[in-house]
């Protein structure tokens, strides 16, 4: 499927990984892809449609920090949603842990903390509360994998032989359950209007 991606769509995927790393998150969620559309491909069709409905990169960053925080949750999106549904507030859990163990106790180490040598890693693990650092590839969340699959279906529906940023965003809207969509709804975006704008831009391209 990735061979169908345009250069801009590939830049979104690479950018999303960078944003997940920046926030020290363990998975690439739909929210990281949404941010990458605005930051890494500002001239892409997805970014144009998002700006048309008032969505900015700063707004998305703000919502990611508010909802997940830096360091985030070791849980996936689906797990976090399930816990929220039964009344477990992950922010309250984080606050309680930090009250007992210090601020940032649940955060992943920063990239600069990563050392190649196993002995350095062992010393850090034995000497402090840090978990093993997040190195290498960060996986996509299961929901985000579904979004990628749906982006292909959206491209085929529009009779396009490529997958661009517009198809990624259409796939995200079609999946409808990710944090990115929750952020858009919370900020008052009319998803139907966004879809119509996207489809108009995609057909005109």
Protein backbone atom coordinates (compact mmCIF):
# COMPACT_ATOMS: atom_id res chain seq x y z
CA UNK A 1 0.00 0.00 0.00
CA UNK A 2 2.81 2.46 0.85
CA UNK A 3 4.03 2.42 -2.74
CA UNK A 4 0.81 4.32 -3.61
CA UNK A 5 1.62 7.13 -1.16
CA UNK A 6 2.55 10.51 -2.60
CA UNK A 7 5.66 12.25 -1.27
CA UNK A 8 3.45 14.42 0.92
CA UNK A 9 1.57 11.44 2.34
CA UNK A 10 4.91 9.79 3.14
CA UNK A 11 6.04 13.02 4.80
CA UNK A 12 2.94 12.85 7.01
CA UNK A 13 3.76 9.29 8.09
CA UNK A 14 7.40 10.19 8.85
CA UNK A 15 6.33 13.41 10.55
CA UNK A 16 3.78 11.58 12.72
CA UNK A 17 6.55 9.36 14.05
CA UNK A 18 8.62 12.44 14.84
CA UNK A 19 5.73 14.05 16.72
CA UNK A 20 5.06 10.88 18.70
CA UNK A 21 8.75 10.88 19.67
CA UNK A 22 8.61 14.60 20.52
CA UNK A 23 5.73 13.93 22.96
CA UNK A 24 7.48 10.75 24.22
CA UNK A 25 4.47 8.60 23.28
CA UNK A 26 4.77 4.86 22.72
CA UNK A 27 2.40 4.65 19.76
CA UNK A 28 1.71 6.79 16.70
CA UNK A 29 -1.92 7.77 17.10
CA UNK A 30 -4.33 9.56 14.82
CA UNK A 31 -3.53 12.77 16.70
CA UNK A 32 0.11 12.60 15.59
CA UNK A 33 -0.96 12.11 11.97
CA UNK A 34 -3.32 15.09 12.24
CA UNK A 35 -0.50 17.25 13.59
CA UNK A 36 1.88 16.05 10.87
CA UNK A 37 -0.63 17.06 8.18
CA UNK A 38 -0.49 20.65 9.44
CA UNK A 39 3.21 20.88 10.31
CA UNK A 40 5.02 18.65 7.83
CA UNK A 41 2.86 19.17 4.73
CA UNK A 42 1.35 22.66 5.18
CA UNK A 43 0.76 22.90 1.40
CA UNK A 44 -1.03 19.52 1.23
CA UNK A 45 -4.75 19.26 0.52
CA UNK A 46 -5.48 17.96 4.04
CA UNK A 47 -3.76 20.97 5.64
CA UNK A 48 -5.62 23.36 3.32
CA UNK A 49 -9.00 21.83 4.23
CA UNK A 50 -8.15 21.83 7.95
CA UNK A 51 -7.12 25.50 7.87
CA UNK A 52 -10.34 26.32 5.96
CA UNK A 53 -12.36 25.05 8.94
CA UNK A 54 -10.16 26.83 11.49
CA UNK A 55 -7.83 24.04 12.64
CA UNK A 56 -4.24 25.03 13.43
CA UNK A 57 -1.14 23.10 14.46
CA UNK A 58 -1.01 24.99 17.77
CA UNK A 59 -4.59 23.98 18.49
CA UNK A 60 -3.84 20.30 17.85
CA UNK A 61 -0.64 20.41 19.96
CA UNK A 62 -2.59 22.03 22.80
CA UNK A 63 -5.22 19.29 22.70
CA UNK A 64 -2.63 16.49 22.59
CA UNK A 65 -0.88 17.88 25.67
CA UNK A 66 -4.20 18.44 27.46
CA UNK A 67 -5.59 14.99 26.69
CA UNK A 68 -2.47 12.78 26.84
CA UNK A 69 0.35 14.93 28.16
CA UNK A 70 4.04 14.61 27.47
CA UNK A 71 5.12 11.07 28.20
CA UNK A 72 1.50 10.12 27.73
CA UNK A 73 -0.03 6.89 28.83
CA UNK A 74 1.62 3.49 28.38
CA UNK A 75 -1.82 2.34 27.26
CA UNK A 76 -3.11 2.40 23.74
CA UNK A 77 -6.01 4.62 22.66
CA UNK A 78 -8.53 1.79 22.93
CA UNK A 79 -7.38 0.91 26.48
CA UNK A 80 -7.52 4.55 27.57
CA UNK A 81 -11.05 4.88 26.09
CA UNK A 82 -12.18 1.71 27.87
CA UNK A 83 -10.86 2.92 31.23
CA UNK A 84 -12.53 6.30 30.78
CA UNK A 85 -15.83 4.51 30.02
CA UNK A 86 -15.73 2.80 33.42
CA UNK A 87 -14.83 6.00 35.24
CA UNK A 88 -11.05 5.71 35.59
CA UNK A 89 -9.48 9.12 35.10
CA UNK A 90 -5.94 8.64 33.76
CA UNK A 91 -5.03 12.25 34.60
CA UNK A 92 -5.95 11.61 38.24
CA UNK A 93 -3.89 8.39 38.23
CA UNK A 94 -0.90 10.26 36.79
CA UNK A 95 -1.26 13.02 39.42
CA UNK A 96 -1.34 10.45 42.24
CA UNK A 97 1.74 8.62 40.92
CA UNK A 98 3.65 11.90 40.54
CA UNK A 99 2.61 12.90 44.07
CA UNK A 100 4.25 9.73 45.38
CA UNK A 101 7.22 9.34 43.02
CA UNK A 102 7.91 12.83 41.70
CA UNK A 103 6.98 14.84 38.62
CA UNK A 104 7.53 12.98 35.36
CA UNK A 105 7.69 9.55 37.01
CA UNK A 106 5.61 8.08 34.19
CA UNK A 107 7.39 9.90 31.38
CA UNK A 108 9.60 8.14 28.87
CA UNK A 109 13.22 9.32 28.78
CA UNK A 110 14.09 11.94 26.20
CA UNK A 111 15.88 10.89 23.04
CA UNK A 112 19.14 12.42 24.27
CA UNK A 113 19.07 9.97 27.21
CA UNK A 114 19.42 7.05 24.82
CA UNK A 115 22.82 5.40 24.99
CA UNK A 116 24.04 2.66 22.71
CA UNK A 117 25.83 0.66 25.39
CA UNK A 118 23.92 -1.89 27.41
CA UNK A 119 25.99 -1.09 30.47
CA UNK A 120 24.93 2.57 30.30
CA UNK A 121 21.32 1.49 30.09
CA UNK A 122 21.75 -0.86 33.02
CA UNK A 123 23.35 1.86 35.14
CA UNK A 124 20.44 4.21 34.43
CA UNK A 125 17.85 1.56 35.18
CA UNK A 126 19.53 0.55 38.41
CA UNK A 127 20.26 4.10 39.47
CA UNK A 128 16.85 5.70 38.93
CA UNK A 129 13.21 5.17 38.18
CA UNK A 130 13.50 5.57 34.40
CA UNK A 131 12.12 2.95 32.09
CA UNK A 132 14.08 1.73 29.06
CA UNK A 133 14.28 4.49 26.47
CA UNK A 134 12.16 4.54 23.34
CA UNK A 135 14.54 3.94 20.47
CA UNK A 136 14.04 3.00 16.84
CA UNK A 137 10.68 2.62 15.15
CA UNK A 138 7.51 3.64 17.01
CA UNK A 139 4.55 1.47 15.99
CA UNK A 140 1.22 2.74 14.71
CA UNK A 141 -1.74 2.25 17.01
CA UNK A 142 -4.26 -0.37 15.78
CA UNK A 143 -6.74 2.45 15.13
CA UNK A 144 -4.20 4.31 13.02
CA UNK A 145 -3.52 1.16 10.98
CA UNK A 146 -7.26 1.08 10.27
CA UNK A 147 -7.10 4.72 9.16
CA UNK A 148 -4.31 3.88 6.72
CA UNK A 149 -6.38 1.01 5.33
CA UNK A 150 -9.42 3.27 4.97
CA UNK A 151 -7.30 5.91 3.20
CA UNK A 152 -6.73 3.36 0.43
CA UNK A 153 -10.48 2.73 0.21
CA UNK A 154 -11.12 6.48 0.02
CA UNK A 155 -8.60 6.81 -2.82
CA UNK A 156 -10.26 3.94 -4.70
CA UNK A 157 -13.72 5.44 -4.10
CA UNK A 158 -12.51 8.69 -5.70
CA UNK A 159 -10.91 6.67 -8.52
CA UNK A 160 -7.42 7.88 -7.63
CA UNK A 161 -4.40 5.66 -8.19
CA UNK A 162 -2.43 7.32 -5.39
CA UNK A 163 -2.90 8.02 -1.69
CA UNK A 164 -2.40 11.68 -0.76
CA UNK A 165 -2.83 13.63 2.46
CA UNK A 166 -6.47 14.21 1.53
CA UNK A 167 -7.12 10.45 1.49
CA UNK A 168 -5.39 10.04 4.86
CA UNK A 169 -7.69 12.66 6.37
CA UNK A 170 -10.76 11.16 4.67
CA UNK A 171 -9.78 7.76 6.11
CA UNK A 172 -9.45 9.33 9.55
CA UNK A 173 -12.92 10.87 9.27
CA UNK A 174 -14.39 7.60 7.99
CA UNK A 175 -12.91 5.65 10.92
CA UNK A 176 -14.42 8.30 13.17
CA UNK A 177 -13.27 7.08 16.59
CA UNK A 178 -9.68 8.29 16.96
CA UNK A 179 -8.32 11.05 19.16
CA UNK A 180 -7.81 13.24 16.07
CA UNK A 181 -11.55 13.21 15.34
CA UNK A 182 -12.30 13.84 19.03
CA UNK A 183 -10.00 16.88 18.90
CA UNK A 184 -11.76 18.19 15.78
CA UNK A 185 -15.21 17.73 17.32
CA UNK A 186 -14.13 19.33 20.61
CA UNK A 187 -12.92 22.37 18.67
CA UNK A 188 -16.29 22.74 16.94
CA UNK A 189 -15.35 21.40 13.50
CA UNK A 190 -18.28 20.29 11.37
CA UNK A 191 -16.98 16.93 10.13
CA UNK A 192 -19.45 16.82 7.26
CA UNK A 193 -18.28 20.22 6.05
CA UNK A 194 -14.63 19.17 6.37
CA UNK A 195 -15.33 16.04 4.33
CA UNK A 196 -17.10 18.05 1.63
CA UNK A 197 -14.18 20.51 1.40
CA UNK A 198 -11.68 17.66 1.21
CA UNK A 199 -13.58 15.86 -1.51
CA UNK A 200 -13.90 19.10 -3.48
CA UNK A 201 -10.15 19.72 -3.26
CA UNK A 202 -9.39 16.09 -4.14
CA UNK A 203 -11.62 16.16 -7.23
CA UNK A 204 -10.13 19.45 -8.40
CA UNK A 205 -6.53 18.29 -7.96
